[in-house]
Amino acid sequence: MGKTIKIDTDALVKKFKEAATDEKVAYACVAVGILFVLVGLVRLFLS
């Protein structure tokens, strides 16, 4: 579970970086931050 989630978030981070434009940079940063928080919570529940 943890590995697949990590791979998915890495792919999403790459997509956000590639798609990031002047207005989208802020939204991408927020989304990436939320993703890392969710991954952290998932790891807590799984551990």
PDB file of N, CA and C in Angstrom:
ATOM      1  N   MET A   1       0.840  -1.210   0.000  1.00  0.00           N
ATOM      2  CA  MET A   1       0.000   0.000   0.000  1.00  0.00           C
ATOM      3  C   MET A   1       0.872   1.256   0.000  1.00  0.00           C
ATOM      4  N   GLY A   2       1.820   1.333   0.944  1.00  0.00           N
ATOM      5  CA  GLY A   2       2.638   2.530   1.064  1.00  0.00           C
ATOM      6  C   GLY A   2       3.413   2.833  -0.213  1.00  0.00           C
ATOM      7  N   LYS A   3       3.951   1.765  -0.842  1.00  0.00           N
ATOM      8  CA  LYS A   3       4.749   1.989  -2.049  1.00  0.00           C
ATOM      9  C   LYS A   3       3.873   2.513  -3.191  1.00  0.00           C
ATOM     10  N   THR A   4       2.696   1.923  -3.371  1.00  0.00           N
ATOM     11  CA  THR A   4       1.839   2.362  -4.473  1.00  0.00           C
ATOM     12  C   THR A   4       1.378   3.792  -4.245  1.00  0.00           C
ATOM     13  N   ILE A   5       1.066   4.138  -2.993  1.00  0.00           N
ATOM     14  CA  ILE A   5       0.642   5.512  -2.680  1.00  0.00           C
ATOM     15  C   ILE A   5       1.791   6.477  -2.965  1.00  0.00           C
ATOM     16  N   LYS A   6       2.991   6.096  -2.598  1.00  0.00           N
ATOM     17  CA  LYS A   6       4.148   6.975  -2.817  1.00  0.00           C
ATOM     18  C   LYS A   6       4.363   7.196  -4.313  1.00  0.00           C
ATOM     19  N   ILE A   7       4.258   6.132  -5.102  1.00  0.00           N
ATOM     20  CA  ILE A   7       4.429   6.246  -6.553  1.00  0.00           C
ATOM     21  C   ILE A   7       3.351   7.160  -7.128  1.00  0.00           C
ATOM     22  N   ASP A   8       2.113   6.990  -6.697  1.00  0.00           N
ATOM     23  CA  ASP A   8       1.017   7.822  -7.202  1.00  0.00           C
ATOM     24  C   ASP A   8       1.265   9.290  -6.880  1.00  0.00           C
ATOM     25  N   THR A   9       1.685   9.593  -5.656  1.00  0.00           N
ATOM     26  CA  THR A   9       1.912  10.991  -5.284  1.00  0.00           C
ATOM     27  C   THR A   9       3.083  11.564  -6.080  1.00  0.00           C
ATOM     28  N   ASP A  10       4.131  10.760  -6.309  1.00  0.00           N
ATOM     29  CA  ASP A  10       5.258  11.250  -7.102  1.00  0.00           C
ATOM     30  C   ASP A  10       4.806  11.594  -8.511  1.00  0.00           C
ATOM     31  N   ALA A  11       3.955  10.751  -9.102  1.00  0.00           N
ATOM     32  CA  ALA A  11       3.442  11.018 -10.447  1.00  0.00           C
ATOM     33  C   ALA A  11       2.617  12.295 -10.457  1.00  0.00           C
ATOM     34  N   LEU A  12       1.797  12.479  -9.417  1.00  0.00           N
ATOM     35  CA  LEU A  12       0.971  13.687  -9.346  1.00  0.00           C
ATOM     36  C   LEU A  12       1.849  14.925  -9.192  1.00  0.00           C
ATOM     37  N   VAL A  13       2.888  14.816  -8.380  1.00  0.00           N
ATOM     38  CA  VAL A  13       3.793  15.959  -8.199  1.00  0.00           C
ATOM     39  C   VAL A  13       4.421  16.339  -9.539  1.00  0.00           C
ATOM     40  N   LYS A  14       4.834  15.338 -10.317  1.00  0.00           N
ATOM     41  CA  LYS A  14       5.427  15.622 -11.631  1.00  0.00           C
ATOM     42  C   LYS A  14       4.409  16.308 -12.527  1.00  0.00           C
ATOM     43  N   LYS A  15       3.160  15.823 -12.513  1.00  0.00           N
ATOM     44  CA  LYS A  15       2.120  16.436 -13.345  1.00  0.00           C
ATOM     45  C   LYS A  15       1.896  17.885 -12.935  1.00  0.00           C
ATOM     46  N   PHE A  16       1.857  18.144 -11.629  1.00  0.00           N
ATOM     47  CA  PHE A  16       1.650  19.521 -11.157  1.00  0.00           C
ATOM     48  C   PHE A  16       2.810  20.403 -11.605  1.00  0.00           C
ATOM     49  N   LYS A  17       4.040  19.906 -11.491  1.00  0.00           N
ATOM     50  CA  LYS A  17       5.196  20.711 -11.886  1.00  0.00           C
ATOM     51  C   LYS A  17       5.172  20.993 -13.382  1.00  0.00           C
ATOM     52  N   GLU A  18       4.786  19.994 -14.190  1.00  0.00           N
ATOM     53  CA  GLU A  18       4.754  20.178 -15.639  1.00  0.00           C
ATOM     54  C   GLU A  18       3.630  21.119 -16.049  1.00  0.00           C
ATOM     55  N   ALA A  19       2.481  21.026 -15.365  1.00  0.00           N
ATOM     56  CA  ALA A  19       1.312  21.824 -15.740  1.00  0.00           C
ATOM     57  C   ALA A  19       1.287  23.195 -15.062  1.00  0.00           C
ATOM     58  N   ALA A  20       2.229  23.419 -14.135  1.00  0.00           N
ATOM     59  CA  ALA A  20       2.190  24.656 -13.357  1.00  0.00           C
ATOM     60  C   ALA A  20       2.441  25.872 -14.240  1.00  0.00           C
ATOM     61  N   THR A  21       1.510  26.831 -14.178  1.00  0.00           N
ATOM     62  CA  THR A  21       1.703  28.124 -14.834  1.00  0.00           C
ATOM     63  C   THR A  21       1.550  29.197 -13.775  1.00  0.00           C
ATOM     64  N   ASP A  22       1.643  30.474 -14.163  1.00  0.00           N
ATOM     65  CA  ASP A  22       1.649  31.572 -13.191  1.00  0.00           C
ATOM     66  C   ASP A  22       0.530  31.438 -12.161  1.00  0.00           C
ATOM     67  N   GLU A  23      -0.701  31.204 -12.622  1.00  0.00           N
ATOM     68  CA  GLU A  23      -1.810  31.122 -11.666  1.00  0.00           C
ATOM     69  C   GLU A  23      -1.870  29.776 -10.978  1.00  0.00           C
ATOM     70  N   LYS A  24      -1.427  28.721 -11.663  1.00  0.00           N
ATOM     71  CA  LYS A  24      -1.588  27.368 -11.136  1.00  0.00           C
ATOM     72  C   LYS A  24      -0.499  26.980 -10.141  1.00  0.00           C
ATOM     73  N   VAL A  25       0.590  27.747 -10.107  1.00  0.00           N
ATOM     74  CA  VAL A  25       1.691  27.389  -9.207  1.00  0.00           C
ATOM     75  C   VAL A  25       1.204  27.325  -7.764  1.00  0.00           C
ATOM     76  N   ALA A  26       0.440  28.334  -7.339  1.00  0.00           N
ATOM     77  CA  ALA A  26      -0.042  28.367  -5.957  1.00  0.00           C
ATOM     78  C   ALA A  26      -0.946  27.172  -5.677  1.00  0.00           C
ATOM     79  N   TYR A  27      -1.866  26.880  -6.614  1.00  0.00           N
ATOM     80  CA  TYR A  27      -2.773  25.748  -6.409  1.00  0.00           C
ATOM     81  C   TYR A  27      -1.995  24.440  -6.382  1.00  0.00           C
ATOM     82  N   ALA A  28      -0.993  24.322  -7.240  1.00  0.00           N
ATOM     83  CA  ALA A  28      -0.186  23.108  -7.280  1.00  0.00           C
ATOM     84  C   ALA A  28       0.552  22.911  -5.962  1.00  0.00           C
ATOM     85  N   CYS A  29       1.125  24.001  -5.429  1.00  0.00           N
ATOM     86  CA  CYS A  29       1.850  23.903  -4.156  1.00  0.00           C
ATOM     87  C   CYS A  29       0.914  23.459  -3.042  1.00  0.00           C
ATOM     88  N   VAL A  30      -0.282  24.047  -3.005  1.00  0.00           N
ATOM     89  CA  VAL A  30      -1.265  23.669  -1.984  1.00  0.00           C
ATOM     90  C   VAL A  30      -1.651  22.210  -2.145  1.00  0.00           C
ATOM     91  N   ALA A  31      -1.900  21.788  -3.384  1.00  0.00           N
ATOM     92  CA  ALA A  31      -2.315  20.404  -3.631  1.00  0.00           C
ATOM     93  C   ALA A  31      -1.213  19.434  -3.224  1.00  0.00           C
ATOM     94  N   VAL A  32       0.029  19.768  -3.568  1.00  0.00           N
ATOM     95  CA  VAL A  32       1.149  18.895  -3.189  1.00  0.00           C
ATOM     96  C   VAL A  32       1.267  18.803  -1.676  1.00  0.00           C
ATOM     97  N   GLY A  33       1.089  19.941  -0.996  1.00  0.00           N
ATOM     98  CA  GLY A  33       1.146  19.935   0.464  1.00  0.00           C
ATOM     99  C   GLY A  33       0.071  19.042   1.048  1.00  0.00           C
ATOM    100  N   ILE A  34      -1.149  19.140   0.503  1.00  0.00           N
ATOM    101  CA  ILE A  34      -2.251  18.303   0.979  1.00  0.00           C
ATOM    102  C   ILE A  34      -1.932  16.835   0.732  1.00  0.00           C
ATOM    103  N   LEU A  35      -1.349  16.527  -0.436  1.00  0.00           N
ATOM    104  CA  LEU A  35      -1.007  15.138  -0.740  1.00  0.00           C
ATOM    105  C   LEU A  35      -0.026  14.590   0.292  1.00  0.00           C
ATOM    106  N   PHE A  36       1.003  15.378   0.622  1.00  0.00           N
ATOM    107  CA  PHE A  36       1.983  14.908   1.607  1.00  0.00           C
ATOM    108  C   PHE A  36       1.319  14.685   2.969  1.00  0.00           C
ATOM    109  N   VAL A  37       0.372  15.555   3.350  1.00  0.00           N
ATOM    110  CA  VAL A  37      -0.340  15.390   4.621  1.00  0.00           C
ATOM    111  C   VAL A  37      -1.149  14.104   4.588  1.00  0.00           C
ATOM    112  N   LEU A  38      -1.832  13.847   3.473  1.00  0.00           N
ATOM    113  CA  LEU A  38      -2.637  12.630   3.357  1.00  0.00           C
ATOM    114  C   LEU A  38      -1.754  11.392   3.430  1.00  0.00           C
ATOM    115  N   VAL A  39      -0.604  11.439   2.755  1.00  0.00           N
ATOM    116  CA  VAL A  39       0.317  10.298   2.797  1.00  0.00           C
ATOM    117  C   VAL A  39       0.787  10.064   4.226  1.00  0.00           C
ATOM    118  N   GLY A  40       1.082  11.134   4.936  1.00  0.00           N
ATOM    119  CA  GLY A  40       1.513  10.998   6.324  1.00  0.00           C
ATOM    120  C   GLY A  40       0.438  10.355   7.178  1.00  0.00           C
ATOM    121  N   LEU A  41      -0.823  10.771   6.989  1.00  0.00           N
ATOM    122  CA  LEU A  41      -1.919  10.197   7.757  1.00  0.00           C
ATOM    123  C   LEU A  41      -2.100   8.723   7.418  1.00  0.00           C
ATOM    124  N   VAL A  42      -1.998   8.394   6.138  1.00  0.00           N
ATOM    125  CA  VAL A  42      -2.138   6.987   5.725  1.00  0.00           C
ATOM    126  C   VAL A  42      -1.053   6.140   6.369  1.00  0.00           C
ATOM    127  N   ARG A  43       0.173   6.657   6.382  1.00  0.00           N
ATOM    128  CA  ARG A  43       1.270   5.904   7.002  1.00  0.00           C
ATOM    129  C   ARG A  43       1.021   5.696   8.490  1.00  0.00           C
ATOM    130  N   LEU A  44       0.444   6.695   9.158  1.00  0.00           N
ATOM    131  CA  LEU A  44       0.146   6.550  10.580  1.00  0.00           C
ATOM    132  C   LEU A  44      -0.887   5.448  10.798  1.00  0.00           C
ATOM    133  N   PHE A  45      -1.929   5.446   9.942  1.00  0.00           N
ATOM    134  CA  PHE A  45      -2.978   4.426  10.096  1.00  0.00           C
ATOM    135  C   PHE A  45      -2.444   3.034   9.782  1.00  0.00           C
ATOM    136  N   LEU A  46      -1.556   2.911   8.779  1.00  0.00           N
ATOM    137  CA  LEU A  46      -1.047   1.598   8.379  1.00  0.00           C
ATOM    138  C   LEU A  46      -0.004   1.089   9.357  1.00  0.00           C
ATOM    139  N   SER A  47       0.739   1.980  10.005  1.00  0.00           N
ATOM    140  CA  SER A  47       1.807   1.540  10.900  1.00  0.00           C
ATOM    141  C   SER A  47       1.256   1.069  12.242  1.00  0.00           C
TER     142      SER A  47
END
